[in-house]
Amino acid sequence: MTRRLAVVSSGVGTPSSTRLLADRLTEAVHSQVGARGEDVHVDVIEVRELAAALATMTTAAGLPVPEVTRAQDIVRHADGVIAVTPVFSASYAGLFKIFWDVFGPDDLDGIPMLIGATAGTPRHSLVLDHAIRPLFTYFRMTVVPTGVFAATEDFGAGAGGEQLNRRIVRAAGELAALMVTTSDAVEGFVPTGRTTRAQRGDGFDVTSITPFTRLLAGHDGNHSD
C-alpha cells in the first residue's frame, strides 16, 4: 500500500534552512515507512508560492482559490503531515499561520503530524511546544511527541549536527509508525482518530443544563457545616 505524505514548508527564501529541514525529515520518514514494507508518495507544499493566493482567499470571505484548494486537498487526504516553519519574533511565521487558517476546525481530525522549526539561535527551541504544538492540537491532529528544532549551528558537523540527526530519526520513526498503523485501512474502515466532532459525540446538549436560578431556588444563603 502507498502512504501519502504531505510536507508543508514555509521558508521565505531560496535556499531555505526550513526547506532543508523539511527535506531531511521527509527522507527519514520515507525510509522508515519503507522499512515497514510500505511505499510513500510525497507532496511538497511551498507556502511562499501560495502567498498571493492565500491573501486573496483570506480577504475575500473564503472564496476558493484553485492553488490553495489543491494544497488543502493534499493535506486533508494525507496519511501523515510534516510541517516546518521558520521562527520570527519568537513564534511561527505569519505565512505559516495563514496557510493553516484556511482549514476548518474539523478538516484535519486525527491526521498524524510531525512538527519542525528553524531559527538562527537555539534560544527559540521552545517555540515547538509553546506555539506550534497548540496550533495543531486545536485541529485535533495527532502530533508526534518528538518535535524537531534546528538552529543554524545544527546544520554543520559536530555535536549539534549529531543531536539533530538523532531527533530527526526519532521523530520520523514516530510519524512512520502512525502512518502505517492508523492508515492501514480496508474498505469501510475509519482509522482511529479520523472522525468528526459530531461522529464522536463529544459535544453537549445545552438543554440538559440546569439553570443557575433553579439551583439557587429555596437557598437562603446561609451555610452550615
Protein backbone atom coordinates (compact mmCIF):
# COMPACT_ATOMS: atom_id res chain seq x y z
CA MET A 1 0.00 0.00 0.00
CA THR A 2 1.16 3.52 -0.75
CA ARG A 3 1.05 6.04 2.10
CA ARG A 4 0.55 9.70 1.32
CA LEU A 5 2.91 12.18 2.98
CA ALA A 6 2.21 15.93 2.77
CA VAL A 7 5.14 18.22 3.51
CA VAL A 8 4.37 21.87 4.31
CA SER A 9 7.42 24.15 4.26
CA SER A 10 7.04 27.85 4.93
CA GLY A 11 10.55 29.11 4.38
CA VAL A 12 10.65 32.55 2.82
CA GLY A 13 13.97 32.41 1.00
CA THR A 14 15.83 30.31 -1.56
CA PRO A 15 17.76 28.38 -0.46
CA SER A 16 15.95 27.90 2.83
CA SER A 17 17.06 26.18 6.03
CA THR A 18 13.37 25.47 6.64
CA ARG A 19 13.13 23.55 3.37
CA LEU A 20 16.41 21.81 4.15
CA LEU A 21 15.00 20.55 7.45
CA ALA A 22 11.73 19.57 5.76
CA ASP A 23 13.67 17.56 3.16
CA ARG A 24 15.70 15.75 5.81
CA LEU A 25 12.57 14.87 7.75
CA THR A 26 10.88 13.69 4.56
CA GLU A 27 13.80 11.45 3.66
CA ALA A 28 13.84 9.95 7.16
CA VAL A 29 10.07 9.29 7.19
CA HIS A 30 10.22 7.82 3.68
CA SER A 31 13.00 5.48 4.81
CA GLN A 32 11.20 4.37 7.96
CA VAL A 33 7.85 3.78 6.25
CA GLY A 34 9.74 1.81 3.61
CA ALA A 35 11.38 -0.27 6.33
CA ARG A 36 7.84 -1.24 7.36
CA GLY A 37 7.17 -2.60 3.89
CA GLU A 38 5.15 0.32 2.53
CA ASP A 39 5.61 2.80 -0.31
CA VAL A 40 5.38 6.57 0.15
CA HIS A 41 4.01 9.23 -2.17
CA VAL A 42 5.32 12.68 -1.18
CA ASP A 43 3.68 16.02 -1.98
CA VAL A 44 5.66 19.13 -1.01
CA ILE A 45 3.81 22.41 -0.48
CA GLU A 46 5.96 25.55 -0.53
CA VAL A 47 3.74 28.03 1.27
CA ARG A 48 5.61 31.09 -0.08
CA GLU A 49 4.46 30.10 -3.58
CA LEU A 50 0.86 30.39 -2.35
CA ALA A 51 1.30 33.77 -0.64
CA ALA A 52 -0.75 35.81 -3.11
CA ALA A 53 -3.47 33.15 -3.39
CA LEU A 54 -3.72 32.85 0.40
CA ALA A 55 -4.04 36.63 0.73
CA THR A 56 -6.85 36.61 -1.82
CA MET A 57 -8.66 33.74 -0.14
CA THR A 58 -8.45 35.16 3.38
CA THR A 59 -9.58 38.64 2.34
CA ALA A 60 -12.42 37.51 0.07
CA ALA A 61 -14.67 35.82 2.62
CA GLY A 62 -13.13 32.41 2.00
CA LEU A 63 -13.68 32.49 -1.76
CA PRO A 64 -11.93 29.33 -3.05
CA VAL A 65 -8.68 29.82 -4.95
CA PRO A 66 -7.60 26.79 -7.05
CA GLU A 67 -3.96 26.75 -5.91
CA VAL A 68 -4.95 26.83 -2.25
CA THR A 69 -7.76 24.32 -2.71
CA ARG A 70 -5.32 21.83 -4.25
CA ALA A 71 -2.95 22.27 -1.32
CA GLN A 72 -5.81 21.82 1.15
CA ASP A 73 -6.87 18.59 -0.56
CA ILE A 74 -3.32 17.24 -0.38
CA VAL A 75 -3.18 17.83 3.38
CA ARG A 76 -6.73 16.61 4.09
CA HIS A 77 -6.11 13.29 2.33
CA ALA A 78 -2.61 12.67 3.68
CA ASP A 79 -1.74 9.72 5.88
CA GLY A 80 0.88 11.90 7.54
CA VAL A 81 1.96 15.54 7.52
CA ILE A 82 5.31 17.23 8.11
CA ALA A 83 5.05 20.95 8.85
CA VAL A 84 8.13 23.14 9.22
CA THR A 85 8.30 26.88 9.85
CA PRO A 86 10.99 29.45 10.44
CA VAL A 87 10.78 31.34 13.72
CA PHE A 88 10.09 35.07 13.61
CA SER A 89 9.59 37.19 16.75
CA ALA A 90 9.61 34.07 18.95
CA SER A 91 6.76 32.36 17.09
CA TYR A 92 5.85 30.67 13.82
CA ALA A 93 5.96 32.66 10.59
CA GLY A 94 2.86 34.65 9.70
CA LEU A 95 2.68 32.97 6.29
CA PHE A 96 2.73 29.57 8.00
CA LYS A 97 -0.24 30.58 10.19
CA ILE A 98 -2.22 31.98 7.25
CA PHE A 99 -1.91 28.65 5.45
CA TRP A 100 -3.48 26.77 8.35
CA ASP A 101 -6.11 29.47 8.87
CA VAL A 102 -7.84 28.42 5.64
CA PHE A 103 -8.73 24.99 7.11
CA GLY A 104 -11.94 24.36 9.00
CA PRO A 105 -11.80 23.14 12.62
CA ASP A 106 -12.87 19.61 11.64
CA ASP A 107 -10.79 19.25 8.45
CA LEU A 108 -7.73 17.63 9.96
CA ASP A 109 -9.06 15.42 12.76
CA GLY A 110 -6.61 12.70 13.78
CA ILE A 111 -4.11 13.13 10.94
CA PRO A 112 -0.62 12.17 12.18
CA MET A 113 1.80 15.10 12.13
CA LEU A 114 5.46 15.88 12.73
CA ILE A 115 6.33 19.50 13.55
CA GLY A 116 9.63 21.25 12.95
CA ALA A 117 11.09 24.74 13.20
CA THR A 118 14.27 26.57 12.27
CA ALA A 119 15.90 29.67 13.72
CA GLY A 120 19.24 31.40 13.92
CA THR A 121 19.71 30.62 17.61
CA PRO A 122 18.82 27.73 19.97
CA ARG A 123 17.05 30.23 22.24
CA HIS A 124 13.91 29.77 20.15
CA SER A 125 13.66 25.99 20.60
CA LEU A 126 10.68 26.21 22.98
CA VAL A 127 8.54 27.56 20.14
CA LEU A 128 7.70 23.98 19.20
CA ASP A 129 5.73 23.33 22.38
CA HIS A 130 4.66 26.87 23.27
CA ALA A 131 3.29 27.96 19.88
CA ILE A 132 3.31 25.31 17.16
CA ARG A 133 2.01 22.25 19.01
CA PRO A 134 -1.02 24.12 20.47
CA LEU A 135 -1.98 25.25 16.95
CA PHE A 136 -2.33 21.67 15.73
CA THR A 137 -3.88 20.50 18.98
CA TYR A 138 -6.69 22.91 18.12
CA PHE A 139 -7.19 20.98 14.87
CA ARG A 140 -7.12 17.72 16.87
CA MET A 141 -4.26 16.37 14.78
CA THR A 142 -2.12 13.60 16.26
CA VAL A 143 1.21 15.38 16.76
CA VAL A 144 4.10 13.01 17.45
CA PRO A 145 5.89 13.51 20.78
CA THR A 146 9.22 14.50 19.24
CA GLY A 147 9.36 17.89 17.56
CA VAL A 148 12.48 18.86 15.63
CA PHE A 149 14.09 22.25 16.11
CA ALA A 150 17.20 23.23 14.18
CA ALA A 151 19.32 26.31 14.82
CA THR A 152 21.79 27.44 12.18
CA GLU A 153 24.67 25.78 14.01
CA ASP A 154 22.87 22.41 13.97
CA PHE A 155 23.26 22.02 10.21
CA GLY A 156 27.02 21.71 10.49
CA ALA A 157 29.26 18.96 11.76
CA GLY A 158 29.84 18.43 15.45
CA ALA A 159 27.65 17.77 18.47
CA GLY A 160 24.78 19.96 17.26
CA GLY A 161 24.58 18.12 13.94
CA GLU A 162 24.67 14.73 15.65
CA GLN A 163 21.88 15.70 18.04
CA LEU A 164 19.77 16.99 15.15
CA ASN A 165 20.24 13.71 13.28
CA ARG A 166 19.09 11.75 16.31
CA ARG A 167 15.98 13.93 16.72
CA ILE A 168 15.14 13.55 13.04
CA VAL A 169 15.41 9.77 13.18
CA ARG A 170 13.35 9.52 16.36
CA ALA A 171 10.61 11.85 15.13
CA ALA A 172 10.48 10.17 11.73
CA GLY A 173 10.05 6.78 13.39
CA GLU A 174 7.14 8.09 15.45
CA LEU A 175 5.38 9.51 12.39
CA ALA A 176 6.08 6.45 10.25
CA ALA A 177 4.56 4.18 12.89
CA LEU A 178 1.38 6.25 13.00
CA MET A 179 1.13 6.48 9.22
CA VAL A 180 1.27 2.72 8.86
CA THR A 181 -0.95 1.76 11.80
CA THR A 182 -3.67 4.43 11.72
CA SER A 183 -3.94 4.39 7.92
CA ASP A 184 -3.91 0.63 7.45
CA ALA A 185 -7.40 0.74 6.06
CA VAL A 186 -9.70 -1.61 4.25
CA GLU A 187 -12.88 -0.54 2.56
CA GLY A 188 -15.34 0.81 5.08
CA PHE A 189 -12.74 1.20 7.84
CA VAL A 190 -12.38 4.59 9.52
CA PRO A 191 -8.88 4.98 11.06
CA THR A 192 -8.69 5.76 14.75
CA GLY A 193 -8.99 9.47 15.40
CA ARG A 194 -10.19 10.35 11.90
CA THR A 195 -13.73 11.21 12.93
CA THR A 196 -15.56 14.47 13.23
CA ARG A 197 -16.72 16.00 16.48
CA ALA A 198 -20.32 15.15 15.60
CA GLN A 199 -19.41 11.50 14.94
CA ARG A 200 -17.57 11.27 18.24
CA GLY A 201 -20.49 12.80 20.09
CA ASP A 202 -18.22 14.89 22.31
CA GLY A 203 -20.49 17.91 22.20
CA PHE A 204 -23.09 18.56 24.88
CA ASP A 205 -26.77 19.38 24.87
CA VAL A 206 -27.33 22.83 26.33
CA THR A 207 -30.95 21.92 27.06
CA SER A 208 -29.73 19.46 29.68
CA ILE A 209 -28.08 22.20 31.76
CA THR A 210 -29.95 23.18 34.93
CA PRO A 211 -30.37 26.97 35.09
CA PHE A 212 -28.44 28.64 37.89
CA THR A 213 -31.60 30.28 39.24
CA ARG A 214 -33.16 26.85 39.73
CA LEU A 215 -30.07 25.60 41.53
CA LEU A 216 -30.39 28.52 43.97
CA ALA A 217 -34.15 28.19 44.44
CA GLY A 218 -35.00 27.90 48.14
CA HIS A 219 -31.45 28.63 49.23
CA ASP A 220 -31.30 31.34 51.90
CA GLY A 221 -27.59 31.96 51.52
CA ASN A 222 -26.70 30.52 54.95
CA HIS A 223 -24.12 27.74 55.20
CA SER A 224 -23.84 25.15 57.94
CA ASP A 225 -21.07 22.63 58.38
